[in-house]
Amino acid sequence: MVVGDFPIETDTIVIGAGPGGYVAAIRAAQLGQKVTIVEKADLGGVCLNVGCIPSKALITASHRYETAKHSDNIGITADNVSVDFSKVQEWKGQVVNKLTSGVGGLLKGNKVDIVKGEAYFVDENTLRVMDESSAQTYTFKHAIIATGSRPIEIPSFKYSKRIINSTGALNLPEIPKKLVIIGGGVIGVELGTAYANFGTEITILEGSSELFAGAFEKQMTSVVVKNLKNKGAEIVTSAMAKGAEEKEDSVVVTYEANGEEKTIEADYVLVTVGRRPNTDEIGLEQVGIKMTDRGVIEVDQQCRTNVPNIYAIGDIVPGPQLAHKASYEAKIAAEAIAGEPSEIDYLGIPAVVFSEPELATVGYTEKQAKEEGLEVVAAKFPFAANGRALALNNTDGFLKLVTRKEDGVIIGGQIAGASASDMIAEIGLAIEAGMTAEDIALTIHAHPTLGEITMEAAEVALGTPIHIM
């Protein structure tokens, strides 16, 4: 301990101020704990600064541009539509700044002490926080680790000016003419769709046999694939990216597909092959916290590690790497520290892709239910039979409800279509509340709305559909 480094005592210390960390800190403070939160970068973490929020802002801007250019079929023609990409980036930054400053205000309003620096565990009750010029020791009763994740770097595709990750793709100075994307998962498809809308020639190289590596049902992904191809995108599945040669103004990617080696030249290559948990270099070995060989921390149903007073949440624990999962786990951990009986239950956690059309799923898929030996009814209703979807000129896709055959209880739902990200919430609520298809069918939905599709699918499940045969 350096001279003058007197330990600061706190009840709960939270490491990381992303959607897991800041929520954990606020909930812990609400429950009467003295809370300190440590963040080495910007408040809001990856999600608010270089992930969920800026990517959706970019997607929104791309939608506006595409809609302005391609509305001739409904009688709207716009000449000389152009993009000032510097203004797009400026607006995106304004959205991010509003949210990150809001997080700071919420933390301060809940009397959470905010500390800037890198955290390192000394033992199970002591933490050192270091910045460029100093170090401070903190002692705590409980800790919540919420350090998030970072993009995986492929050895043969080291990040550079022309080889970029998702953060780089969100901050490009110009719209690229050609973009190669390695990895056809959520991030690759979302950013690929945005740039395709801006007019970029997109090539997606995916190692598995389909986009999203089977995370969504094929009938859902096929709608997205069709839309991407209509935008001129090339999708190469079962492809192995082998290397890249960077030039002054371009990069040449070598890949193998169908037993044949090929090359493609583009302005940039975007690598989106997954994310790695940030569990290294924070001293977890000092306290003996158990992790898998991939750096994922093992936790119990209350997000508690094998060290009883230390908890872990978000991308660094098992399960999907979703911001809303991290926020959910944050509340569980904070409540567990306060002695409440809260436990995690992931069945009602949705997964969403902001593709075109959007994809969303919650609970069981039809396949998953059958694999577990459940007898189910899978009821589908097409967007094309919905008045609001027709009026929006956006009729691609469908909604599927998965109900137990024996009692009609809703155990899952999948949506491929406009506003799927918003519509999935009703199905998630139905699952959490143990509702049946009849409960949904008897709920009066406003007309004309996309929400009616959920009601219509429930009627299909009951065998009494009105608007389809």
Protein backbone atom coordinates (compact mmCIF):
# COMPACT_ATOMS: atom_id res chain seq x y z
CA MET A 1 0.00 0.00 0.00
CA VAL A 2 1.40 3.38 -0.99
CA VAL A 3 1.71 6.16 1.57
CA GLY A 4 -1.60 7.96 1.96
CA ASP A 5 -3.59 5.12 0.36
CA PHE A 6 -6.09 4.69 3.18
CA PRO A 7 -8.74 2.10 2.27
CA ILE A 8 -12.21 3.40 1.48
CA GLU A 9 -14.98 1.23 2.86
CA THR A 10 -18.16 0.43 0.95
CA ASP A 11 -20.94 -2.14 1.27
CA THR A 12 -21.11 -3.20 -2.38
CA ILE A 13 -18.63 -2.45 -5.12
CA VAL A 14 -19.65 -2.92 -8.76
CA ILE A 15 -16.99 -3.36 -11.45
CA GLY A 16 -18.24 -2.12 -14.81
CA ALA A 17 -20.88 0.50 -15.59
CA GLY A 18 -22.61 -1.09 -18.57
CA PRO A 19 -26.28 -2.15 -18.66
CA GLY A 20 -25.49 -4.78 -16.03
CA GLY A 21 -23.24 -2.77 -13.76
CA TYR A 22 -25.11 0.51 -13.52
CA VAL A 23 -28.44 -1.27 -12.99
CA ALA A 24 -26.89 -3.41 -10.25
CA ALA A 25 -25.49 -0.31 -8.55
CA ILE A 26 -28.80 1.52 -8.63
CA ARG A 27 -30.83 -1.44 -7.38
CA ALA A 28 -28.31 -2.11 -4.58
CA ALA A 29 -28.50 1.54 -3.55
CA GLN A 30 -32.31 1.41 -3.59
CA LEU A 31 -32.08 -1.52 -1.19
CA GLY A 32 -30.10 0.54 1.31
CA GLN A 33 -26.54 -0.40 0.45
CA LYS A 34 -23.62 2.02 0.26
CA VAL A 35 -22.47 1.46 -3.33
CA THR A 36 -19.35 2.27 -5.34
CA ILE A 37 -19.17 1.65 -9.09
CA VAL A 38 -15.85 1.42 -10.96
CA GLU A 39 -15.57 1.98 -14.71
CA LYS A 40 -12.36 2.31 -16.73
CA ALA A 41 -14.04 3.71 -19.85
CA ASP A 42 -17.34 5.54 -20.35
CA LEU A 43 -20.53 5.10 -18.34
CA GLY A 44 -23.01 2.91 -20.16
CA GLY A 45 -20.42 0.36 -21.28
CA VAL A 46 -20.24 -1.20 -24.73
CA CYS A 47 -24.01 -1.20 -25.24
CA LEU A 48 -24.58 2.52 -24.90
CA ASN A 49 -21.28 3.71 -26.36
CA VAL A 50 -20.25 1.33 -29.16
CA GLY A 51 -22.95 -1.32 -29.36
CA CYS A 52 -26.73 -1.53 -29.07
CA ILE A 53 -27.57 2.17 -29.14
CA PRO A 54 -25.24 3.61 -31.83
CA SER A 55 -25.91 0.62 -34.10
CA LYS A 56 -29.67 1.19 -33.88
CA ALA A 57 -29.16 4.88 -34.61
CA LEU A 58 -27.17 3.94 -37.72
CA ILE A 59 -29.84 1.41 -38.73
CA THR A 60 -32.56 4.07 -38.33
CA ALA A 61 -30.67 6.52 -40.53
CA SER A 62 -30.19 3.84 -43.19
CA HIS A 63 -33.91 3.02 -43.12
CA ARG A 64 -34.78 6.68 -43.68
CA TYR A 65 -32.43 6.85 -46.66
CA GLU A 66 -33.70 3.64 -48.23
CA THR A 67 -37.34 4.62 -47.73
CA ALA A 68 -36.73 8.00 -49.35
CA LYS A 69 -35.19 6.29 -52.39
CA HIS A 70 -37.62 3.40 -52.77
CA SER A 71 -41.21 4.52 -52.19
CA ASP A 72 -42.24 4.84 -55.84
CA ASN A 73 -44.75 2.00 -55.52
CA ILE A 74 -46.85 4.05 -53.09
CA GLY A 75 -46.62 7.21 -55.17
CA ILE A 76 -43.73 8.90 -53.35
CA THR A 77 -40.76 9.87 -55.52
CA ALA A 78 -37.76 11.74 -54.18
CA ASP A 79 -35.05 13.06 -56.49
CA ASN A 80 -31.38 13.46 -55.65
CA VAL A 81 -31.56 11.76 -52.26
CA SER A 82 -28.13 11.91 -50.64
CA VAL A 83 -26.40 11.11 -47.38
CA ASP A 84 -24.15 13.43 -45.41
CA PHE A 85 -22.46 10.68 -43.43
CA SER A 86 -20.64 13.08 -41.16
CA LYS A 87 -24.03 14.41 -40.02
CA VAL A 88 -25.29 10.85 -39.55
CA GLN A 89 -22.31 10.19 -37.29
CA GLU A 90 -22.85 13.47 -35.45
CA TRP A 91 -26.50 12.62 -34.78
CA LYS A 92 -25.55 9.12 -33.64
CA GLY A 93 -23.11 10.69 -31.19
CA GLN A 94 -25.82 12.97 -29.81
CA VAL A 95 -28.07 9.97 -29.12
CA VAL A 96 -25.23 8.21 -27.29
CA ASN A 97 -24.31 11.31 -25.26
CA LYS A 98 -27.89 11.81 -24.07
CA LEU A 99 -28.05 8.27 -22.73
CA THR A 100 -24.60 8.15 -21.15
CA SER A 101 -25.15 11.47 -19.38
CA GLY A 102 -28.50 10.10 -18.23
CA VAL A 103 -26.78 7.09 -16.68
CA GLY A 104 -24.44 9.38 -14.79
CA GLY A 105 -27.39 11.38 -13.49
CA LEU A 106 -29.22 8.24 -12.35
CA LEU A 107 -26.17 6.94 -10.48
CA LYS A 108 -25.58 10.25 -8.73
CA GLY A 109 -29.29 10.59 -7.98
CA ASN A 110 -29.16 7.24 -6.21
CA LYS A 111 -26.05 8.33 -4.27
CA VAL A 112 -23.75 5.82 -5.97
CA ASP A 113 -20.06 6.79 -5.80
CA ILE A 114 -18.59 6.76 -9.33
CA VAL A 115 -14.88 5.91 -9.62
CA LYS A 116 -12.87 6.06 -12.86
CA GLY A 117 -10.09 3.50 -13.24
CA GLU A 118 -9.14 -0.14 -13.65
CA ALA A 119 -10.11 -2.55 -10.89
CA TYR A 120 -7.96 -5.41 -9.59
CA PHE A 121 -8.89 -7.85 -6.83
CA VAL A 122 -6.40 -8.12 -3.98
CA ASP A 123 -8.51 -10.61 -2.02
CA GLU A 124 -12.20 -11.43 -1.52
CA ASN A 125 -12.81 -8.19 0.39
CA THR A 126 -10.28 -5.81 -1.15
CA LEU A 127 -9.98 -4.10 -4.50
CA ARG A 128 -7.42 -1.74 -5.99
CA VAL A 129 -8.53 0.87 -8.49
CA MET A 130 -5.82 2.41 -10.66
CA ASP A 131 -5.81 5.25 -13.12
CA GLU A 132 -2.91 6.84 -15.00
CA SER A 133 -1.57 8.70 -11.99
CA SER A 134 -2.75 7.03 -8.79
CA ALA A 135 -4.18 3.99 -7.05
CA GLN A 136 -6.80 3.62 -4.34
CA THR A 137 -7.73 0.65 -2.17
CA TYR A 138 -11.37 -0.20 -1.47
CA THR A 139 -12.69 -2.69 1.04
CA PHE A 140 -16.14 -4.15 0.51
CA LYS A 141 -18.64 -6.62 1.91
CA HIS A 142 -19.90 -7.68 -1.51
CA ALA A 143 -18.78 -7.24 -5.10
CA ILE A 144 -20.62 -7.55 -8.41
CA ILE A 145 -18.44 -8.15 -11.47
CA ALA A 146 -20.01 -6.72 -14.63
CA THR A 147 -17.03 -6.21 -16.92
CA GLY A 148 -18.74 -7.21 -20.17
CA SER A 149 -17.02 -8.52 -23.28
CA ARG A 150 -14.92 -7.46 -26.26
CA PRO A 151 -14.78 -8.55 -29.92
CA ILE A 152 -12.83 -11.71 -30.70
CA GLU A 153 -9.83 -11.03 -32.94
CA ILE A 154 -8.92 -13.70 -35.50
CA PRO A 155 -5.12 -14.23 -35.67
CA SER A 156 -5.14 -13.98 -39.47
CA PHE A 157 -7.26 -10.80 -39.37
CA LYS A 158 -5.50 -8.47 -36.94
CA TYR A 159 -7.39 -5.21 -36.49
CA SER A 160 -6.00 -2.32 -38.49
CA LYS A 161 -7.13 0.57 -40.66
CA ARG A 162 -8.96 -1.70 -43.12
CA ILE A 163 -9.68 -4.70 -40.87
CA ILE A 164 -12.20 -3.54 -38.31
CA ASN A 165 -14.50 -4.78 -35.55
CA SER A 166 -18.02 -3.58 -34.76
CA THR A 167 -16.71 -0.45 -33.01
CA GLY A 168 -14.76 0.50 -36.11
CA ALA A 169 -17.76 -0.18 -38.35
CA LEU A 170 -19.88 2.20 -36.29
CA ASN A 171 -17.33 4.99 -36.65
CA LEU A 172 -16.32 4.86 -40.31
CA PRO A 173 -15.62 8.31 -41.79
CA GLU A 174 -17.44 7.44 -45.01
CA ILE A 175 -19.90 4.95 -46.46
CA PRO A 176 -17.79 2.17 -48.00
CA LYS A 177 -18.43 1.12 -51.58
CA LYS A 178 -17.68 -2.52 -50.71
CA LEU A 179 -17.67 -4.27 -47.35
CA VAL A 180 -16.80 -7.87 -46.53
CA ILE A 181 -18.27 -9.19 -43.28
CA ILE A 182 -16.75 -12.25 -41.63
CA GLY A 183 -19.45 -13.76 -39.47
CA GLY A 184 -23.16 -13.84 -40.27
CA GLY A 185 -24.39 -13.51 -36.70
CA VAL A 186 -26.50 -10.78 -35.15
CA ILE A 187 -23.88 -8.01 -35.31
CA GLY A 188 -22.74 -8.86 -38.83
CA VAL A 189 -26.29 -8.96 -40.21
CA GLU A 190 -27.42 -5.78 -38.44
CA LEU A 191 -24.45 -3.68 -39.57
CA GLY A 192 -24.45 -5.33 -42.98
CA THR A 193 -28.11 -4.43 -43.47
CA ALA A 194 -27.48 -0.82 -42.43
CA TYR A 195 -24.65 -0.33 -44.90
CA ALA A 196 -26.54 -2.21 -47.64
CA ASN A 197 -29.34 0.34 -47.17
CA PHE A 198 -26.78 3.11 -47.68
CA GLY A 199 -25.77 1.49 -50.98
CA THR A 200 -22.69 -0.50 -49.94
CA GLU A 201 -22.00 -3.78 -51.76
CA ILE A 202 -22.08 -6.37 -48.98
CA THR A 203 -20.53 -9.84 -48.89
CA ILE A 204 -21.14 -11.96 -45.79
CA LEU A 205 -18.86 -14.94 -45.16
CA GLU A 206 -20.45 -17.30 -42.62
CA GLY A 207 -18.69 -20.42 -41.38
CA SER A 208 -21.81 -22.45 -40.63
CA SER A 209 -24.46 -23.57 -43.09
CA GLU A 210 -26.83 -20.66 -42.34
CA LEU A 211 -26.93 -17.16 -40.90
CA PHE A 212 -27.07 -16.84 -37.11
CA ALA A 213 -25.51 -20.34 -36.85
CA GLY A 214 -28.90 -21.91 -36.22
CA ALA A 215 -29.85 -19.58 -33.35
CA PHE A 216 -33.15 -18.83 -35.12
CA GLU A 217 -35.48 -21.16 -36.99
CA LYS A 218 -34.69 -21.48 -40.68
CA GLN A 219 -38.11 -20.20 -41.71
CA MET A 220 -37.26 -16.99 -39.85
CA THR A 221 -33.74 -16.51 -41.23
CA SER A 222 -34.91 -17.26 -44.79
CA VAL A 223 -37.00 -14.06 -44.72
CA VAL A 224 -33.90 -12.06 -43.76
CA VAL A 225 -31.73 -13.79 -46.37
CA LYS A 226 -34.26 -12.99 -49.09
CA ASN A 227 -34.33 -9.33 -48.07
CA LEU A 228 -30.53 -9.05 -47.95
CA LYS A 229 -30.23 -10.58 -51.42
CA ASN A 230 -32.83 -8.13 -52.71
CA LYS A 231 -30.48 -5.38 -51.51
CA GLY A 232 -27.69 -6.92 -53.60
CA ALA A 233 -25.87 -8.63 -50.75
CA GLU A 234 -23.93 -11.82 -51.41
CA ILE A 235 -24.15 -14.45 -48.65
CA VAL A 236 -21.59 -17.25 -48.67
CA THR A 237 -22.25 -19.97 -46.08
CA SER A 238 -19.91 -22.79 -45.03
CA ALA A 239 -17.10 -20.36 -45.83
CA MET A 240 -13.69 -20.27 -44.16
CA ALA A 241 -11.93 -16.89 -44.07
CA LYS A 242 -8.21 -17.57 -44.44
CA GLY A 243 -6.43 -14.24 -44.55
CA ALA A 244 -6.28 -10.64 -45.70
CA GLU A 245 -3.82 -8.49 -47.63
CA GLU A 246 -4.16 -4.85 -46.73
CA LYS A 247 -3.48 -2.18 -49.34
CA GLU A 248 -3.51 1.59 -49.09
CA ASP A 249 -7.17 2.01 -50.06
CA SER A 250 -8.54 -1.51 -49.87
CA VAL A 251 -8.15 -4.99 -48.44
CA VAL A 252 -8.16 -8.34 -50.24
CA VAL A 253 -9.79 -11.21 -48.38
CA THR A 254 -9.00 -14.83 -49.16
CA TYR A 255 -11.60 -17.44 -48.26
CA GLU A 256 -12.54 -21.01 -49.05
CA ALA A 257 -16.03 -22.21 -49.99
CA ASN A 258 -17.19 -25.45 -51.61
CA GLY A 259 -13.60 -26.66 -51.71
CA GLU A 260 -12.49 -23.69 -53.79
CA GLU A 261 -10.23 -20.83 -52.72
CA LYS A 262 -11.42 -17.37 -53.72
CA THR A 263 -10.51 -13.72 -53.15
CA ILE A 264 -12.58 -10.60 -52.84
CA GLU A 265 -11.47 -6.97 -52.60
CA ALA A 266 -13.30 -4.38 -50.51
CA ASP A 267 -12.81 -1.04 -48.78
CA TYR A 268 -13.01 -2.72 -45.37
CA VAL A 269 -13.41 -6.15 -43.84
CA LEU A 270 -15.59 -6.28 -40.73
CA VAL A 271 -14.85 -9.17 -38.35
CA THR A 272 -17.86 -10.19 -36.24
CA VAL A 273 -17.17 -13.74 -35.07
CA GLY A 274 -18.26 -13.34 -31.46
CA ARG A 275 -17.18 -11.71 -28.23
CA ARG A 276 -14.81 -12.70 -25.43
CA PRO A 277 -15.62 -12.14 -21.72
CA ASN A 278 -13.51 -9.49 -19.98
CA THR A 279 -12.41 -11.67 -17.08
CA ASP A 280 -8.66 -11.47 -17.57
CA GLU A 281 -6.34 -8.98 -15.85
CA ILE A 282 -8.71 -8.10 -13.00
CA GLY A 283 -7.22 -10.46 -10.41
CA LEU A 284 -9.88 -13.16 -10.35
CA GLU A 285 -7.18 -15.76 -9.78
CA GLN A 286 -6.27 -13.88 -6.58
CA VAL A 287 -9.61 -14.84 -5.06
CA GLY A 288 -9.98 -18.25 -6.70
CA ILE A 289 -13.11 -17.53 -8.73
CA LYS A 290 -14.04 -20.52 -10.90
CA MET A 291 -14.16 -19.99 -14.65
CA THR A 292 -14.42 -22.14 -17.75
CA ASP A 293 -11.45 -22.42 -20.11
CA ARG A 294 -13.09 -19.63 -22.16
CA GLY A 295 -13.08 -17.23 -19.22
CA VAL A 296 -16.80 -17.52 -18.43
CA ILE A 297 -17.51 -17.25 -14.68
CA GLU A 298 -19.60 -19.99 -13.09
CA VAL A 299 -22.52 -18.68 -11.01
CA ASP A 300 -25.52 -20.08 -9.14
CA GLN A 301 -29.21 -19.13 -9.47
CA GLN A 302 -28.56 -15.84 -7.67
CA CYS A 303 -25.53 -14.90 -9.82
CA ARG A 304 -23.19 -15.80 -6.91
CA THR A 305 -19.74 -17.13 -7.76
CA ASN A 306 -17.99 -19.85 -5.76
CA VAL A 307 -16.70 -17.02 -3.54
CA PRO A 308 -19.89 -16.31 -1.53
CA ASN A 309 -19.66 -12.53 -1.36
CA ILE A 310 -18.72 -12.00 -5.02
CA TYR A 311 -21.33 -12.04 -7.80
CA ALA A 312 -21.02 -11.92 -11.60
CA ILE A 313 -23.50 -10.85 -14.29
CA GLY A 314 -23.85 -10.16 -18.01
CA ASP A 315 -21.56 -11.28 -20.82
CA ILE A 316 -19.07 -12.87 -18.41
CA VAL A 317 -21.50 -15.56 -17.16
CA PRO A 318 -23.22 -18.42 -19.07
CA GLY A 319 -26.08 -17.62 -21.43
CA PRO A 320 -26.67 -15.27 -24.35
CA GLN A 321 -24.71 -12.02 -24.42
CA LEU A 322 -27.66 -9.62 -24.25
CA ALA A 323 -27.85 -6.23 -22.58
CA HIS A 324 -31.31 -6.91 -21.14
CA LYS A 325 -30.11 -10.23 -19.72
CA ALA A 326 -27.32 -8.34 -17.93
CA SER A 327 -29.81 -5.81 -16.52
CA TYR A 328 -32.08 -8.62 -15.35
CA GLU A 329 -29.21 -10.45 -13.65
CA ALA A 330 -28.09 -7.16 -12.11
CA LYS A 331 -31.33 -6.84 -10.18
CA ILE A 332 -31.16 -10.49 -9.07
CA ALA A 333 -27.61 -10.07 -7.74
CA ALA A 334 -28.37 -6.82 -5.91
CA GLU A 335 -31.50 -8.31 -4.36
CA ALA A 336 -29.65 -11.50 -3.35
CA ILE A 337 -27.04 -9.38 -1.55
CA ALA A 338 -29.90 -7.68 0.30
CA GLY A 339 -31.13 -11.08 1.45
CA GLU A 340 -34.08 -11.36 -0.91
CA PRO A 341 -34.95 -14.80 -2.42
CA SER A 342 -34.64 -13.61 -6.06
CA GLU A 343 -33.40 -16.21 -8.58
CA ILE A 344 -32.74 -16.14 -12.32
CA ASP A 345 -35.25 -17.64 -14.76
CA TYR A 346 -34.26 -17.20 -18.39
CA LEU A 347 -37.38 -18.63 -20.08
CA GLY A 348 -38.95 -15.21 -20.53
CA ILE A 349 -35.84 -13.47 -21.86
CA PRO A 350 -36.28 -12.46 -25.51
CA ALA A 351 -33.61 -12.34 -28.20
CA VAL A 352 -33.93 -9.78 -31.00
CA VAL A 353 -32.16 -9.03 -34.27
CA PHE A 354 -32.66 -5.60 -35.84
CA SER A 355 -32.44 -7.02 -39.33
CA GLU A 356 -34.92 -6.53 -42.17
CA PRO A 357 -37.40 -7.71 -41.24
CA GLU A 358 -36.70 -7.83 -37.51
CA LEU A 359 -36.44 -11.21 -35.79
CA ALA A 360 -37.49 -11.93 -32.21
CA THR A 361 -37.90 -15.05 -30.12
CA VAL A 362 -38.81 -15.82 -26.51
CA GLY A 363 -39.32 -19.06 -24.62
CA TYR A 364 -39.39 -22.35 -26.48
CA THR A 365 -39.23 -22.77 -30.23
CA GLU A 366 -41.36 -25.54 -31.69
CA LYS A 367 -38.24 -27.66 -32.20
CA GLN A 368 -36.90 -27.10 -28.68
CA ALA A 369 -40.26 -28.03 -27.15
CA LYS A 370 -40.46 -31.25 -29.12
CA GLU A 371 -36.88 -32.15 -28.22
CA GLU A 372 -37.90 -31.92 -24.55
CA GLY A 373 -40.80 -34.27 -25.16
CA LEU A 374 -43.52 -31.62 -24.96
CA GLU A 375 -46.63 -31.94 -27.11
CA VAL A 376 -47.23 -28.52 -28.57
CA VAL A 377 -49.37 -26.61 -31.03
CA ALA A 378 -47.47 -24.20 -33.30
CA ALA A 379 -49.82 -21.53 -34.62
CA LYS A 380 -48.67 -19.11 -37.34
CA PHE A 381 -50.22 -15.94 -38.68
CA PRO A 382 -48.72 -14.02 -41.64
CA PHE A 383 -48.05 -10.28 -41.61
CA ALA A 384 -49.52 -10.18 -45.12
CA ALA A 385 -52.99 -10.82 -43.65
CA ASN A 386 -52.77 -7.85 -41.26
CA GLY A 387 -54.26 -4.49 -42.24
CA ARG A 388 -51.63 -2.39 -40.49
CA ALA A 389 -48.77 -4.31 -42.13
CA LEU A 390 -50.39 -3.73 -45.53
CA ALA A 391 -50.79 -0.02 -44.78
CA LEU A 392 -47.14 0.13 -43.73
CA ASN A 393 -46.18 -1.53 -47.03
CA ASN A 394 -44.25 -4.03 -44.92
CA THR A 395 -45.84 -7.46 -45.18
CA ASP A 396 -42.86 -9.84 -45.02
CA GLY A 397 -42.87 -12.35 -42.20
CA PHE A 398 -45.05 -14.12 -39.68
CA LEU A 399 -45.72 -14.64 -35.98
CA LYS A 400 -45.74 -18.08 -34.38
CA LEU A 401 -47.11 -19.00 -30.97
CA VAL A 402 -46.00 -22.23 -29.30
CA THR A 403 -48.57 -23.56 -26.82
CA ARG A 404 -48.80 -26.73 -24.76
CA LYS A 405 -51.34 -29.05 -26.37
CA GLU A 406 -52.76 -30.25 -23.06
CA ASP A 407 -53.82 -26.88 -21.67
CA GLY A 408 -53.06 -24.17 -24.24
CA VAL A 409 -50.45 -22.46 -22.03
CA ILE A 410 -48.11 -20.26 -24.07
CA ILE A 411 -44.51 -21.45 -23.73
CA GLY A 412 -42.85 -19.68 -26.64
CA GLY A 413 -43.17 -17.34 -29.57
CA GLN A 414 -41.21 -16.28 -32.63
CA ILE A 415 -41.68 -13.27 -34.88
CA ALA A 416 -40.13 -12.37 -38.21
CA GLY A 417 -41.56 -9.06 -39.31
CA ALA A 418 -41.88 -5.32 -38.81
CA SER A 419 -41.61 -4.20 -35.16
CA ALA A 420 -40.90 -7.75 -33.97
CA SER A 421 -38.63 -6.22 -31.31
CA ASP A 422 -41.63 -4.44 -29.76
CA MET A 423 -44.23 -7.13 -30.34
CA ILE A 424 -42.25 -9.88 -28.60
CA ALA A 425 -42.87 -8.22 -25.21
CA GLU A 426 -46.52 -9.33 -25.15
CA ILE A 427 -45.53 -12.95 -25.67
CA GLY A 428 -42.84 -12.67 -23.02
CA LEU A 429 -45.42 -11.31 -20.57
CA ALA A 430 -47.80 -14.14 -21.46
CA ILE A 431 -45.10 -16.71 -20.69
CA GLU A 432 -44.19 -15.06 -17.38
CA ALA A 433 -47.85 -14.87 -16.35
CA GLY A 434 -48.65 -18.45 -17.39
CA MET A 435 -51.30 -17.23 -19.84
CA THR A 436 -53.07 -19.38 -22.41
CA ALA A 437 -53.83 -18.81 -26.08
CA GLU A 438 -57.42 -18.17 -25.02
CA ASP A 439 -56.27 -15.36 -22.70
CA ILE A 440 -54.56 -13.64 -25.63
CA ALA A 441 -57.48 -14.27 -28.00
CA LEU A 442 -59.93 -12.75 -25.51
CA THR A 443 -57.76 -9.65 -25.04
CA ILE A 444 -59.14 -6.90 -27.26
CA HIS A 445 -56.34 -5.54 -29.46
CA ALA A 446 -56.70 -2.12 -31.10
CA HIS A 447 -57.36 -2.06 -34.85
CA PRO A 448 -55.52 -1.59 -37.12
CA THR A 449 -52.28 -2.53 -35.36
CA LEU A 450 -49.49 -5.04 -35.73
CA GLY A 451 -50.39 -6.18 -32.21
CA GLU A 452 -53.49 -7.84 -33.65
CA ILE A 453 -51.20 -10.45 -35.23
CA THR A 454 -50.54 -11.93 -31.78
CA MET A 455 -54.29 -12.19 -31.15
CA GLU A 456 -54.84 -13.73 -34.57
CA ALA A 457 -52.12 -16.34 -33.96
CA ALA A 458 -53.78 -17.19 -30.64
CA GLU A 459 -57.04 -17.79 -32.50
CA VAL A 460 -55.19 -20.05 -34.91
CA ALA A 461 -53.94 -22.02 -31.90
CA LEU A 462 -57.55 -22.39 -30.72
CA GLY A 463 -58.67 -23.54 -34.16
CA THR A 464 -60.92 -20.51 -34.68
CA PRO A 465 -59.02 -18.12 -36.98
CA ILE A 466 -61.02 -15.29 -38.53
CA HIS A 467 -58.71 -13.73 -41.10
CA ILE A 468 -56.98 -16.75 -42.63
CA MET A 469 -58.34 -20.07 -43.82
